Protein backbone atom coordinates (compact mmCIF):
# COMPACT_ATOMS: atom_id res chain seq x y z
CA MET A 1 -0.98 119.67 -44.55
CA LYS A 2 2.26 118.11 -43.67
CA ASN A 3 2.44 114.36 -43.30
CA ILE A 4 3.11 113.45 -39.70
CA ARG A 5 5.15 110.29 -39.58
CA LYS A 6 4.74 108.17 -36.52
CA ILE A 7 8.10 107.09 -35.31
CA ARG A 8 8.23 103.90 -33.14
CA SER A 9 9.92 104.43 -29.81
CA PRO A 10 12.92 102.17 -29.36
CA ALA A 11 11.65 101.40 -25.78
CA ALA A 12 8.33 99.93 -26.92
CA PHE A 13 7.59 96.23 -27.57
CA THR A 14 5.47 94.58 -30.17
CA LEU A 15 2.55 92.38 -29.28
CA LEU A 16 4.53 89.34 -30.33
CA GLU A 17 7.38 90.25 -28.03
CA LEU A 18 5.00 90.85 -25.11
CA THR A 19 3.32 87.50 -25.69
CA PHE A 20 6.66 85.72 -25.82
CA ALA A 21 7.85 87.42 -22.60
CA ALA A 22 4.61 86.57 -20.82
CA GLY A 23 5.00 82.94 -21.87
CA ILE A 24 8.55 82.78 -20.50
CA PHE A 25 7.41 84.45 -17.27
CA GLY A 26 4.58 81.93 -16.90
CA VAL A 27 6.90 78.97 -17.44
CA VAL A 28 9.45 80.30 -14.93
CA SER A 29 6.67 81.01 -12.40
CA LEU A 30 5.29 77.49 -12.83
CA ILE A 31 8.74 75.99 -12.27
CA LEU A 32 9.21 78.11 -9.15
CA LEU A 33 5.78 77.10 -7.82
CA CYS A 34 6.55 73.43 -8.42
CA TYR A 35 9.92 73.83 -6.72
CA LEU A 36 8.42 75.62 -3.71
CA GLY A 37 5.68 72.99 -3.48
CA ALA A 38 8.23 70.17 -3.54
CA MET A 39 10.40 71.92 -0.93
CA SER A 40 7.37 72.53 1.27
CA ARG A 41 6.44 68.86 1.04
CA LEU A 42 9.98 67.78 1.91
CA ILE A 43 10.09 70.15 4.88
CA THR A 44 6.71 68.91 6.08
CA ARG A 45 7.83 65.31 5.67
CA ASN A 46 11.01 65.98 7.64
CA LEU A 47 9.06 67.72 10.40
CA ALA A 48 6.60 64.83 10.58
CA THR A 49 9.37 62.24 10.64
CA ASN A 50 11.44 64.11 13.22
CA HIS A 51 8.43 64.69 15.46
CA SER A 52 7.40 61.06 15.15
CA HIS A 53 10.95 59.88 15.89
CA GLN A 54 11.18 62.15 18.91
CA SER A 55 7.85 60.93 20.27
CA ALA A 56 8.86 57.30 19.71
CA HIS A 57 12.18 57.98 21.44
CA MET A 58 10.42 59.44 24.48
CA SER A 59 8.02 56.49 24.55
CA GLY A 60 10.99 54.13 24.35
CA LEU A 61 12.69 55.81 27.29
CA THR A 62 9.52 55.44 29.38
CA LEU A 63 9.20 51.77 28.45
CA LEU A 64 12.86 51.13 29.19
CA SER A 65 12.88 52.95 32.52
CA GLN A 66 9.89 50.96 33.82
CA LEU A 67 10.27 47.53 32.19
CA HIS A 68 14.02 47.34 32.74
CA GLU A 69 13.39 47.79 36.47
CA SER A 70 10.93 44.89 36.54
CA GLY A 71 11.27 42.71 39.62
CA SER A 72 9.43 39.78 38.05
CA ASN A 73 8.93 37.89 34.85
CA PHE A 74 6.75 39.59 32.26
CA VAL A 75 3.15 38.40 31.98
CA LEU A 76 1.28 39.04 28.74
CA ILE A 77 -2.27 40.31 29.22
CA GLN A 78 -5.29 41.07 27.07
CA PRO A 79 -6.89 44.32 28.29
CA ASN A 80 -10.61 44.89 28.06
CA GLY A 81 -11.43 48.41 29.13
CA THR A 82 -10.64 48.70 32.84
CA THR A 83 -9.88 45.00 33.35
CA PHE A 84 -7.64 42.40 31.73
CA THR A 85 -7.14 38.69 31.26
CA PRO A 86 -3.63 37.22 31.64
CA VAL A 87 -2.25 34.84 29.01
CA SER A 88 -1.62 31.80 31.21
CA THR A 89 0.51 29.69 28.86
CA PRO A 90 2.22 31.71 26.11
CA THR A 91 4.00 29.54 23.56
CA ALA A 92 6.62 30.18 20.92
CA THR A 93 5.64 30.68 17.30
CA SER A 94 7.63 30.33 14.10
CA SER A 95 8.14 34.12 13.91
CA GLN A 96 11.73 35.06 14.65
CA ASP A 97 13.01 38.33 16.13
CA ALA A 98 15.62 39.94 13.87
CA LEU A 99 17.36 41.64 16.82
CA THR A 100 17.96 38.56 18.98
CA ASN A 101 17.17 35.60 16.69
CA TYR A 102 14.78 34.39 19.40
CA PHE A 103 11.26 33.22 18.61
CA LEU A 104 8.22 35.36 19.38
CA SER A 105 5.21 34.32 21.36
CA GLU A 106 1.73 35.44 20.44
CA ARG A 107 1.35 39.20 20.50
CA THR A 108 -0.83 40.98 23.04
CA ALA A 109 -2.01 44.51 23.76
CA GLY A 110 -0.56 44.57 27.27
CA VAL A 111 2.12 43.34 29.63
CA ARG A 112 2.07 43.09 33.42
CA PHE A 113 5.10 43.10 35.70
CA ARG A 114 6.12 43.91 39.26
CA ARG A 115 7.95 47.07 40.28
CA LEU A 116 9.68 47.83 43.56
CA ALA A 117 7.10 49.63 45.72
CA GLY A 118 8.96 49.91 49.03
CA GLY A 119 11.99 48.79 50.98
CA PRO A 120 14.24 47.75 52.39
CA PHE A 121 12.22 47.64 55.64
CA LYS A 122 13.63 46.07 58.79
CA LEU A 123 11.93 43.12 60.43
CA THR A 124 10.88 44.21 63.95
CA ALA A 125 9.77 40.91 65.54
CA ASP A 126 11.16 37.39 65.61
CA THR A 127 9.38 34.64 63.70
CA THR A 128 8.88 30.95 64.26
CA SER A 129 8.96 28.19 61.67
CA GLY A 130 5.68 28.10 59.79
CA GLN A 131 4.59 31.58 60.90
CA THR A 132 2.25 33.29 58.44
CA PHE A 133 2.72 36.90 59.53
CA LEU A 134 5.72 39.24 59.79
CA GLN A 135 6.20 42.68 61.33
CA PHE A 136 8.21 45.43 59.67
CA ASP A 137 9.09 49.04 60.41
CA PHE A 138 7.44 50.91 57.55
CA SER A 139 8.19 54.34 59.02
CA THR A 140 11.73 54.43 57.64
CA GLY A 141 12.87 55.07 54.12
CA GLY A 142 10.52 57.96 53.40
CA THR A 143 8.78 56.09 50.57
CA GLY A 144 5.28 56.29 52.05
CA TYR A 145 4.69 52.67 51.11
CA VAL A 146 1.57 51.04 52.59
CA PRO A 147 1.43 47.25 52.11
CA ARG A 148 -1.72 45.53 50.91
CA ALA A 149 -2.94 42.14 49.77
CA GLY A 150 -1.58 41.18 46.37
CA ASP A 151 1.86 42.73 46.90
CA GLN A 152 4.92 40.53 46.84
CA LEU A 153 7.36 40.28 49.76
CA VAL A 154 10.97 39.38 48.99
CA LEU A 155 13.32 38.29 51.79
CA PRO A 156 16.88 38.47 50.43
CA LEU A 157 18.20 36.51 53.41
CA LEU A 158 16.12 33.49 52.38
CA SER A 159 16.22 34.13 48.61
CA ALA A 160 12.46 33.66 48.74
CA ASP A 161 9.34 35.64 47.94
CA TYR A 162 5.82 35.49 49.36
CA LEU A 163 2.46 36.77 48.18
CA LEU A 164 0.73 39.00 50.71
CA THR A 165 -2.76 37.89 51.69
CA GLY A 166 -3.38 40.85 53.96
CA ALA A 167 -1.80 43.79 55.78
CA SER A 168 -2.55 45.71 58.97
CA ALA A 169 -0.41 48.51 60.41
CA GLY A 170 3.14 47.12 60.49
CA THR A 171 2.10 43.49 60.05
CA VAL A 172 1.80 41.61 56.78
CA SER A 173 0.22 38.19 56.29
CA ILE A 174 1.30 35.48 53.88
CA ALA A 175 -0.28 32.20 52.87
CA ALA A 176 0.47 28.83 54.51
CA PRO A 177 2.86 27.13 55.01
CA GLY A 178 4.44 30.47 55.94
CA ILE A 179 8.11 31.14 56.72
CA PRO A 180 10.02 27.84 56.89
CA TYR A 181 12.74 29.26 59.16
CA GLU A 182 13.09 31.06 62.48
CA LEU A 183 14.17 34.66 61.97
CA SER A 184 15.75 36.67 64.76
CA THR A 185 15.98 40.44 65.11
CA ALA A 186 18.53 40.34 67.93
CA SER A 187 21.80 42.13 67.30
CA PRO A 188 23.76 41.71 65.09
CA ASN A 189 21.05 40.07 62.96
CA VAL A 190 19.46 42.36 60.39
CA THR A 191 16.63 40.94 58.33
CA THR A 192 15.01 43.17 55.72
CA GLY A 193 12.20 42.85 53.24
CA TYR A 194 11.38 44.41 49.88
CA PHE A 195 7.85 44.82 48.57
CA TYR A 196 6.79 44.69 44.92
CA ARG A 197 3.52 45.78 43.32
CA ASN A 198 1.96 44.98 39.94
CA SER A 199 2.05 47.53 37.11
CA ALA A 200 1.20 47.27 33.41
CA PHE A 201 1.62 48.81 29.97
CA VAL A 202 -1.34 48.49 27.62
CA VAL A 203 -2.44 49.81 24.23
CA GLN A 204 -6.10 50.81 24.07
CA ASN A 205 -7.98 53.24 21.86
CA GLY A 206 -4.80 54.13 19.99
CA GLU A 207 -2.95 55.09 23.19
CA LEU A 208 0.03 53.59 24.99
CA ARG A 209 -0.87 53.73 28.69
CA PHE A 210 1.09 53.02 31.85
CA HIS A 211 -0.87 51.69 34.82
CA PRO A 212 1.38 52.05 37.88
CA ASP A 213 -0.99 50.33 40.32
CA VAL A 214 -2.71 47.14 39.14
CA GLN A 215 -4.94 45.33 41.63
CA GLY A 216 -6.10 41.84 40.75
CA SER A 217 -7.59 42.02 37.25
CA ALA A 218 -8.33 45.76 37.50
CA LEU A 219 -5.97 48.07 35.63
CA GLY A 220 -6.67 51.16 37.72
CA PRO A 221 -5.77 54.76 36.73
CA HIS A 222 -3.28 55.25 33.93
CA VAL A 223 -0.65 57.72 32.75
CA LEU A 224 -0.72 58.53 29.03
CA VAL A 225 2.62 57.69 27.40
CA ARG A 226 1.87 58.10 23.68
CA GLN A 227 -1.10 58.86 21.48
CA ASN A 228 -1.69 57.80 17.86
CA VAL A 229 -0.36 54.25 18.26
CA THR A 230 -1.24 52.20 15.19
CA CYS A 231 -0.15 48.74 16.38
CA THR A 232 -2.81 47.17 18.58
CA LYS A 233 -0.66 44.30 19.93
CA PRO A 234 2.95 45.43 20.42
CA PHE A 235 4.05 43.05 23.22
CA SER A 236 5.40 39.49 23.00
CA LEU A 237 7.80 37.22 24.86
CA LEU A 238 11.04 35.84 23.41
CA PHE A 239 11.78 32.11 23.44
CA PRO A 240 15.23 30.64 22.69
CA SER A 241 13.70 28.15 20.25
CA ALA A 242 10.42 27.49 18.47
CA THR A 243 9.82 24.42 20.65
CA ALA A 244 10.81 25.96 23.99
CA ILE A 245 8.37 26.08 26.86
CA GLN A 246 7.78 28.94 29.27
CA THR A 247 10.48 28.36 31.85
CA ASN A 248 11.62 31.61 33.41
CA ILE A 249 11.07 33.50 30.16
CA SER A 250 12.04 37.02 31.18
CA GLN A 251 12.80 38.88 27.94
CA LEU A 252 10.14 41.07 26.37
CA ARG A 253 9.88 42.26 22.79
CA VAL A 254 8.09 45.53 21.97
CA THR A 255 7.13 46.68 18.47
CA LEU A 256 5.57 50.12 18.71
CA GLU A 257 4.36 52.07 15.66
CA THR A 258 3.17 55.66 16.02
CA PHE A 259 2.43 58.54 13.68
CA ASP A 260 2.49 62.32 13.73
CA THR A 261 -0.96 63.91 13.86
CA LYS A 262 -0.02 67.33 12.49
CA ASN A 263 1.63 66.30 9.26
CA SER A 264 1.02 62.61 8.62
CA LEU A 265 -2.30 63.28 6.89
CA ARG A 266 -0.38 64.99 4.09
CA VAL A 267 2.74 62.83 3.90
CA ALA A 268 3.26 59.11 4.15
CA SER A 269 6.48 59.16 6.18
CA GLY A 270 5.11 60.52 9.45
CA ALA A 271 4.95 57.03 10.98
CA THR A 272 7.76 55.53 13.08
CA THR A 273 8.25 51.90 14.09
CA LEU A 274 10.20 51.24 17.28
CA GLN A 275 11.45 47.72 18.04
CA MET A 276 13.04 46.84 21.37
CA SER A 277 14.05 43.73 23.28
CA ILE A 278 13.90 44.48 27.00
CA PRO A 279 15.26 42.18 29.71
CA PRO A 280 14.62 42.91 33.39
CA ARG A 281 17.57 44.23 35.36
CA TYR A 282 17.64 41.05 37.44
CA THR A 283 18.92 37.88 35.78
CA VAL A 284 16.78 35.87 38.16
CA PRO A 285 13.77 37.99 39.12
CA PRO A 286 13.41 38.30 42.92
CA ALA A 287 9.61 38.32 42.83
CA LYS A 288 7.39 35.91 41.00
CA SER A 289 4.50 37.39 39.06
CA TYR A 290 1.14 35.85 39.99
């Protein structure tokens, strides 16, 4: 019998070579997996940050558009469900705002202010000194404004404002001592009035809410501005010094922190802090805030 010699194929690998190749493949695969995991985390973090920044930006635009149009000083409030309690005498603290170098008051979960609700409306009947009611033509302007008690009437001609105690048809009532001057509607006299109504921003249950129609101490229906708000008291007033008193303090400071719900559970950078100092458009507000 002839000896049959087994000849090793040059294309075959030994067990040692296969083990070495498998080890290299495993190491390369592990590096790739770590790289892909890191890239996925970075992408997720960027998405969370961008989404959070965008949401904060939109919230900031809403705050600016409403608060900047305030027709009164800002009043800090403490909301409690559907009602609130105003902070009657806010005072300055030792905390200083880095944006303005002013001093912060105590922080609250809400702020109340007056917005323009209707006007200008023309006065339709003459008045006498001390009169406590005025008549306006509310059919013009197309605003659909209906006056009610608690609104604020501003008469630019007198540079004065009056709190409405009642309203009926085209007549509004104000408290005594009434109008201190005689007003005439005869040509060419034109006397007009603007009407302001209370609104508020509050943070409750992790939501930033806008209440466009506040009556007395009742907040009324709200519009959701932003969810997932982590700061419970974002509003404070700004005082020029730590010993200043509340004299026509009209500048508001907002510190709003929010986070992204989709990705923030996995990454720590999904939160965004927005700081703003917001003055009303009017240097001297035309309507006091009661």
